Amino acid sequence: MVSGSLHDCNDEVLRAFLVGGGQDLYLCVKVFSPLLFALAAHYRLAQPEEAIYLVFEEVRRQAACWEPSGLPAQLWIAGLARRRFETLGRAGSAA
């Protein structure tokens, strides 16, 4: 049951961001940064902070798509991060 309440809490954070018109990412950054830093470490990104910034920019742009997706907020954000990190990883390995 703990994981359900965690999902609910994460969902509420992203929902509050949406209700606020996508203006204040502070709480999203606070809640989702540990997950994103762990994913960035997994992808061994050269500049994890920059990569995470890009993910949050994507969250800002795509936030309206979250609820229709039906996914928990954490999973939805992890998916955005994975896509971004894979793109950055390919670009970094080509350099």
Protein backbone atom coordinates (compact mmCIF):
# COMPACT_ATOMS: atom_id res chain seq x y z
CA MET A 1 0.00 0.00 0.00
CA VAL A 2 2.96 2.34 0.51
CA SER A 3 3.78 2.35 -3.19
CA GLY A 4 0.19 3.34 -3.99
CA SER A 5 0.38 6.32 -1.68
CA LEU A 6 3.76 7.28 -3.16
CA HIS A 7 2.24 7.21 -6.64
CA ASP A 8 -0.67 9.29 -5.39
CA CYS A 9 1.72 11.84 -3.88
CA ASN A 10 3.79 12.03 -7.07
CA ASP A 11 0.63 12.35 -9.13
CA GLU A 12 -0.54 15.20 -6.92
CA VAL A 13 2.75 17.03 -7.42
CA LEU A 14 2.45 16.85 -11.19
CA ARG A 15 -1.27 17.66 -11.04
CA ALA A 16 -0.51 20.78 -8.97
CA PHE A 17 2.03 21.80 -11.58
CA LEU A 18 -0.65 21.46 -14.26
CA VAL A 19 -3.24 23.38 -12.26
CA GLY A 20 -0.69 26.14 -11.75
CA GLY A 21 -0.38 26.53 -15.49
CA GLY A 22 3.06 24.95 -15.62
CA GLN A 23 4.73 27.98 -14.12
CA ASP A 24 6.40 26.58 -11.00
CA LEU A 25 8.55 23.48 -11.37
CA TYR A 26 10.04 23.74 -7.87
CA LEU A 27 8.06 20.91 -6.29
CA CYS A 28 8.48 18.69 -9.35
CA VAL A 29 12.23 19.23 -9.20
CA LYS A 30 12.29 18.46 -5.49
CA VAL A 31 10.22 15.28 -5.83
CA PHE A 32 11.50 13.83 -9.10
CA SER A 33 15.19 14.83 -9.08
CA PRO A 34 16.39 11.78 -7.14
CA LEU A 35 14.81 9.49 -9.72
CA LEU A 36 16.27 11.50 -12.58
CA PHE A 37 19.76 11.60 -11.09
CA ALA A 38 19.63 7.81 -10.62
CA LEU A 39 18.59 7.37 -14.25
CA ALA A 40 21.26 9.80 -15.43
CA ALA A 41 23.87 7.80 -13.51
CA HIS A 42 22.61 4.61 -15.16
CA TYR A 43 23.11 6.20 -18.58
CA ARG A 44 26.54 7.54 -17.52
CA LEU A 45 25.82 10.95 -18.93
CA ALA A 46 28.73 13.37 -19.07
CA GLN A 47 26.57 16.29 -17.90
CA PRO A 48 23.75 14.88 -15.79
CA GLU A 49 22.57 18.26 -14.50
CA GLU A 50 22.11 19.56 -18.03
CA ALA A 51 20.33 16.37 -19.04
CA ILE A 52 17.95 16.62 -16.09
CA TYR A 53 17.29 20.26 -16.89
CA LEU A 54 16.30 19.17 -20.40
CA VAL A 55 13.94 16.57 -18.94
CA PHE A 56 12.22 19.19 -16.81
CA GLU A 57 11.88 21.42 -19.86
CA GLU A 58 10.22 18.47 -21.57
CA VAL A 59 7.94 18.00 -18.56
CA ARG A 60 6.95 21.65 -18.85
CA ARG A 61 6.17 21.30 -22.56
CA GLN A 62 4.41 17.94 -22.38
CA ALA A 63 2.66 18.14 -18.99
CA ALA A 64 -0.81 18.32 -20.52
CA CYS A 65 -0.20 14.87 -22.05
CA TRP A 66 0.40 13.19 -18.70
CA GLU A 67 -3.14 12.62 -17.42
CA PRO A 68 -4.48 11.34 -20.76
CA SER A 69 -1.62 8.81 -20.78
CA GLY A 70 -3.09 7.10 -17.72
CA LEU A 71 0.41 6.51 -16.32
CA PRO A 72 1.55 7.31 -12.80
CA ALA A 73 3.49 10.59 -12.80
CA GLN A 74 6.75 8.94 -11.79
CA LEU A 75 6.55 6.43 -14.64
CA TRP A 76 5.58 9.11 -17.15
CA ILE A 77 8.52 11.32 -16.14
CA ALA A 78 10.88 8.33 -16.16
CA GLY A 79 9.77 7.64 -19.73
CA LEU A 80 10.50 11.21 -20.78
CA ALA A 81 13.88 10.98 -19.09
CA ARG A 82 14.74 7.66 -20.69
CA ARG A 83 13.98 8.98 -24.15
CA ARG A 84 16.01 12.15 -23.54
CA PHE A 85 18.93 10.31 -21.92
CA GLU A 86 19.12 7.76 -24.72
CA THR A 87 19.21 10.57 -27.26
CA LEU A 88 21.95 12.35 -25.33
CA GLY A 89 23.87 9.11 -24.88
CA ARG A 90 23.85 8.45 -28.62
CA ALA A 91 24.93 12.02 -29.33
CA GLY A 92 27.73 11.73 -26.76
CA SER A 93 29.02 8.45 -28.15
CA ALA A 94 29.09 9.91 -31.67
CA ALA A 95 31.37 12.73 -30.55
